[in-house]
Structures are given as C-alpha cells and as structure tokens.
Amino acid sequence: MASTRPKPPKGLGKPGRALWRSVMAGLEDGWELDEIETHLLHNACRIEDQAVALEDAVTKAGPVVTGSRGQVRPHPGVSEARQLRLAQERLLRPLDLCDPAQVRAREPLSTQRARKAVEARHAKSRKLAAVGGR
C-alpha cells in the first residue's frame, strides 16, 4: 500500500518546495514524519528559500561590496547565507534521514572501536546470562 506524502506547505518558494519534495521522496515506505519533525522540515524549507535568495544576491552583486567609507568588504549576504545554512543543518539533523551505516562510516576510528568494544562486552554478558553464569 503506497503512502501519500504530504504536499509542501503553502508559502514556500521553489527552492523550499524542492527540498520538501526531496526529503519526502527519500523517506522509506511506511516512514512518516511526526508533527515536530514536520515543523522542523517546514522551517528548514523556509530557510532554503531565504538562503537561495541571499546566494543569488551575492552572485549578482559579487562577493565583495564597497562600504560606506569606500572600503572593500565582504558582501553581507555571504555570512548571512552561511548562518542560515548552519541553522538549516541544525533543524534537519534531528530528523536523522540518513542511513545509519553511512553515519557509522563517518565516525572517527576511535568511536568505531569503542562501539565494537561495548557491543562485544554486552554480547559476552548476554551469553553468560543465557547459560546462568550471572
């Protein structure tokens, strides 16, 4: 049975709707976002619209602008877009939309070793408990 994915909320621009559709299309069958996750995604899509608009403005004007005293300075849209992208990442991170195997592959080697040690310790404890050793 194919589940119907929610349509993008009203008020989103083209980039925000594209992000919404991309996330919804990437969900596994039977996996739905709860109310909080949907709210986070909606805000991330609004940020997508804002960030793309700023990035377009920087592209048109160039990465540097002339300040009030004639000095050359970075376009303010550069840092604003960067801040929006960081906020967007923070909103999307709790959704945990990536494959757990990919997340583990990106973990530092020390974390992978620690995880294996914990899993081995728990496996040993379970075996002992199963045979009545503890």
C-alpha atoms as a PDB file:
ATOM      1  CA  MET A   1       0.000   0.000   0.000  1.00  0.00           C
ATOM      2  CA  ALA A   2       1.608   3.256  -1.112  1.00  0.00           C
ATOM      3  CA  SER A   3       1.504   6.004   1.472  1.00  0.00           C
ATOM      4  CA  THR A   4       0.631   9.510   0.379  1.00  0.00           C
ATOM      5  CA  ARG A   5       3.293  12.040   1.188  1.00  0.00           C
ATOM      6  CA  PRO A   6       2.186  15.451   2.451  1.00  0.00           C
ATOM      7  CA  LYS A   7       2.448  18.250  -0.067  1.00  0.00           C
ATOM      8  CA  PRO A   8       4.738  21.209   0.642  1.00  0.00           C
ATOM      9  CA  PRO A   9       3.145  23.814   2.911  1.00  0.00           C
ATOM     10  CA  LYS A  10       1.769  26.952   1.330  1.00  0.00           C
ATOM     11  CA  GLY A  11       4.061  29.949   1.250  1.00  0.00           C
ATOM     12  CA  LEU A  12       7.240  28.098   0.337  1.00  0.00           C
ATOM     13  CA  GLY A  13       9.201  29.244  -2.687  1.00  0.00           C
ATOM     14  CA  LYS A  14      10.537  26.999  -5.405  1.00  0.00           C
ATOM     15  CA  PRO A  15      13.757  26.014  -3.512  1.00  0.00           C
ATOM     16  CA  GLY A  16      11.835  25.261  -0.309  1.00  0.00           C
ATOM     17  CA  ARG A  17       9.263  23.148  -2.151  1.00  0.00           C
ATOM     18  CA  ALA A  18      12.077  21.272  -3.896  1.00  0.00           C
ATOM     19  CA  LEU A  19      13.733  20.484  -0.542  1.00  0.00           C
ATOM     20  CA  TRP A  20      10.384  19.347   0.912  1.00  0.00           C
ATOM     21  CA  ARG A  21       9.715  17.042  -2.029  1.00  0.00           C
ATOM     22  CA  SER A  22      13.256  15.694  -1.936  1.00  0.00           C
ATOM     23  CA  VAL A  23      13.013  14.789   1.754  1.00  0.00           C
ATOM     24  CA  MET A  24       9.555  13.268   1.368  1.00  0.00           C
ATOM     25  CA  ALA A  25      10.618  11.252  -1.675  1.00  0.00           C
ATOM     26  CA  GLY A  26      13.597   9.910   0.253  1.00  0.00           C
ATOM     27  CA  LEU A  27      11.529   8.504   3.105  1.00  0.00           C
ATOM     28  CA  GLU A  28      11.255   4.736   3.199  1.00  0.00           C
ATOM     29  CA  ASP A  29       7.812   3.202   2.696  1.00  0.00           C
ATOM     30  CA  GLY A  30       5.820   3.353   5.898  1.00  0.00           C
ATOM     31  CA  TRP A  31       8.060   6.006   7.425  1.00  0.00           C
ATOM     32  CA  GLU A  32       6.263   9.235   8.224  1.00  0.00           C
ATOM     33  CA  LEU A  33       7.371  12.388   9.963  1.00  0.00           C
ATOM     34  CA  ASP A  34       5.637  13.233  13.218  1.00  0.00           C
ATOM     35  CA  GLU A  35       4.308  16.712  13.979  1.00  0.00           C
ATOM     36  CA  ILE A  36       7.582  18.019  15.420  1.00  0.00           C
ATOM     37  CA  GLU A  37       9.646  16.595  12.551  1.00  0.00           C
ATOM     38  CA  THR A  38       7.244  18.138  10.043  1.00  0.00           C
ATOM     39  CA  HIS A  39       7.613  21.504  11.792  1.00  0.00           C
ATOM     40  CA  LEU A  40      11.426  21.232  11.674  1.00  0.00           C
ATOM     41  CA  LEU A  41      11.323  20.327   7.995  1.00  0.00           C
ATOM     42  CA  HIS A  42       8.976  23.230   7.239  1.00  0.00           C
ATOM     43  CA  ASN A  43      11.371  25.671   8.930  1.00  0.00           C
ATOM     44  CA  ALA A  44      14.338  24.139   7.091  1.00  0.00           C
ATOM     45  CA  CYS A  45      12.465  24.657   3.807  1.00  0.00           C
ATOM     46  CA  ARG A  46      11.765  28.299   4.672  1.00  0.00           C
ATOM     47  CA  ILE A  47      15.470  28.728   5.383  1.00  0.00           C
ATOM     48  CA  GLU A  48      16.222  27.117   1.999  1.00  0.00           C
ATOM     49  CA  ASP A  49      14.176  29.853   0.304  1.00  0.00           C
ATOM     50  CA  GLN A  50      15.982  32.590   2.240  1.00  0.00           C
ATOM     51  CA  ALA A  51      19.464  31.131   1.723  1.00  0.00           C
ATOM     52  CA  VAL A  52      18.970  30.689  -2.015  1.00  0.00           C
ATOM     53  CA  ALA A  53      17.718  34.284  -2.316  1.00  0.00           C
ATOM     54  CA  LEU A  54      20.798  35.547  -0.465  1.00  0.00           C
ATOM     55  CA  GLU A  55      23.133  33.365  -2.511  1.00  0.00           C
ATOM     56  CA  ASP A  56      21.529  34.702  -5.706  1.00  0.00           C
ATOM     57  CA  ALA A  57      22.008  38.288  -4.477  1.00  0.00           C
ATOM     58  CA  VAL A  58      25.687  37.586  -3.755  1.00  0.00           C
ATOM     59  CA  THR A  59      26.109  36.007  -7.184  1.00  0.00           C
ATOM     60  CA  LYS A  60      24.603  39.083  -8.871  1.00  0.00           C
ATOM     61  CA  ALA A  61      26.455  41.701  -6.800  1.00  0.00           C
ATOM     62  CA  GLY A  62      29.704  39.796  -6.305  1.00  0.00           C
ATOM     63  CA  PRO A  63      31.336  38.519  -3.131  1.00  0.00           C
ATOM     64  CA  VAL A  64      32.625  41.966  -2.131  1.00  0.00           C
ATOM     65  CA  VAL A  65      30.889  45.328  -1.852  1.00  0.00           C
ATOM     66  CA  THR A  66      32.003  48.893  -1.213  1.00  0.00           C
ATOM     67  CA  GLY A  67      31.435  50.046   2.358  1.00  0.00           C
ATOM     68  CA  SER A  68      30.130  53.449   3.477  1.00  0.00           C
ATOM     69  CA  ARG A  69      33.668  54.873   3.523  1.00  0.00           C
ATOM     70  CA  GLY A  70      34.698  53.388   0.205  1.00  0.00           C
ATOM     71  CA  GLN A  71      36.401  50.353   1.722  1.00  0.00           C
ATOM     72  CA  VAL A  72      36.063  46.931   0.132  1.00  0.00           C
ATOM     73  CA  ARG A  73      34.312  44.468   2.392  1.00  0.00           C
ATOM     74  CA  PRO A  74      32.664  41.053   2.086  1.00  0.00           C
ATOM     75  CA  HIS A  75      29.082  41.060   0.874  1.00  0.00           C
ATOM     76  CA  PRO A  76      26.896  40.760   4.000  1.00  0.00           C
ATOM     77  CA  GLY A  77      24.849  38.089   2.233  1.00  0.00           C
ATOM     78  CA  VAL A  78      27.819  35.705   2.379  1.00  0.00           C
ATOM     79  CA  SER A  79      27.838  35.464   6.175  1.00  0.00           C
ATOM     80  CA  GLU A  80      24.041  35.566   6.405  1.00  0.00           C
ATOM     81  CA  ALA A  81      23.699  32.674   3.959  1.00  0.00           C
ATOM     82  CA  ARG A  82      26.329  30.718   5.900  1.00  0.00           C
ATOM     83  CA  GLN A  83      24.419  31.300   9.145  1.00  0.00           C
ATOM     84  CA  LEU A  84      21.176  30.200   7.504  1.00  0.00           C
ATOM     85  CA  ARG A  85      22.815  27.001   6.234  1.00  0.00           C
ATOM     86  CA  LEU A  86      24.081  26.227   9.748  1.00  0.00           C
ATOM     87  CA  ALA A  87      20.613  26.806  11.184  1.00  0.00           C
ATOM     88  CA  GLN A  88      19.132  24.618   8.454  1.00  0.00           C
ATOM     89  CA  GLU A  89      21.575  21.826   9.263  1.00  0.00           C
ATOM     90  CA  ARG A  90      20.597  22.026  12.940  1.00  0.00           C
ATOM     91  CA  LEU A  91      16.933  21.746  12.012  1.00  0.00           C
ATOM     92  CA  LEU A  92      17.451  18.763   9.712  1.00  0.00           C
ATOM     93  CA  ARG A  93      19.878  16.848  11.956  1.00  0.00           C
ATOM     94  CA  PRO A  94      17.212  15.606  14.437  1.00  0.00           C
ATOM     95  CA  LEU A  95      15.243  14.113  11.541  1.00  0.00           C
ATOM     96  CA  ASP A  96      18.063  11.556  11.140  1.00  0.00           C
ATOM     97  CA  LEU A  97      17.167  10.982   7.497  1.00  0.00           C
ATOM     98  CA  CYS A  98      20.394   9.238   6.540  1.00  0.00           C
ATOM     99  CA  ASP A  99      21.277   5.585   6.517  1.00  0.00           C
ATOM    100  CA  PRO A 100      22.760   4.535   9.911  1.00  0.00           C
ATOM    101  CA  ALA A 101      25.504   2.600   8.087  1.00  0.00           C
ATOM    102  CA  GLN A 102      26.641   5.837   6.421  1.00  0.00           C
ATOM    103  CA  VAL A 103      26.715   7.628   9.780  1.00  0.00           C
ATOM    104  CA  ARG A 104      28.872   4.886  11.287  1.00  0.00           C
ATOM    105  CA  ALA A 105      31.248   5.033   8.323  1.00  0.00           C
ATOM    106  CA  ARG A 106      31.856   8.743   9.026  1.00  0.00           C
ATOM    107  CA  GLU A 107      32.558   8.212  12.742  1.00  0.00           C
ATOM    108  CA  PRO A 108      36.162   8.568  13.889  1.00  0.00           C
ATOM    109  CA  LEU A 109      38.052   5.294  14.160  1.00  0.00           C
ATOM    110  CA  SER A 110      38.277   5.638  17.959  1.00  0.00           C
ATOM    111  CA  THR A 111      34.486   5.867  18.184  1.00  0.00           C
ATOM    112  CA  GLN A 112      34.079   2.806  15.972  1.00  0.00           C
ATOM    113  CA  ARG A 113      36.488   0.852  18.189  1.00  0.00           C
ATOM    114  CA  ALA A 114      34.686   1.957  21.340  1.00  0.00           C
ATOM    115  CA  ARG A 115      31.335   0.932  19.845  1.00  0.00           C
ATOM    116  CA  LYS A 116      32.717  -2.527  18.963  1.00  0.00           C
ATOM    117  CA  ALA A 117      34.118  -2.940  22.486  1.00  0.00           C
ATOM    118  CA  VAL A 118      30.762  -2.071  24.071  1.00  0.00           C
ATOM    119  CA  GLU A 119      28.906  -4.399  21.709  1.00  0.00           C
ATOM    120  CA  ALA A 120      31.354  -7.228  22.484  1.00  0.00           C
ATOM    121  CA  ARG A 121      31.039  -6.666  26.238  1.00  0.00           C
ATOM    122  CA  HIS A 122      27.250  -6.760  26.038  1.00  0.00           C
ATOM    123  CA  ALA A 123      27.307  -9.847  23.834  1.00  0.00           C
ATOM    124  CA  LYS A 124      29.508 -11.626  26.407  1.00  0.00           C
ATOM    125  CA  SER A 125      27.171 -10.578  29.247  1.00  0.00           C
ATOM    126  CA  ARG A 126      24.143 -11.866  27.336  1.00  0.00           C
ATOM    127  CA  LYS A 127      25.861 -15.228  26.701  1.00  0.00           C
ATOM    128  CA  LEU A 128      26.745 -15.599  30.386  1.00  0.00           C
ATOM    129  CA  ALA A 129      23.213 -14.693  31.445  1.00  0.00           C
ATOM    130  CA  ALA A 130      21.773 -17.196  28.958  1.00  0.00           C
ATOM    131  CA  VAL A 131      23.765 -20.059  30.436  1.00  0.00           C
ATOM    132  CA  GLY A 132      23.113 -18.922  34.006  1.00  0.00           C
ATOM    133  CA  GLY A 133      26.645 -17.718  34.635  1.00  0.00           C
ATOM    134  CA  ARG A 134      25.472 -14.401  36.094  1.00  0.00           C
END
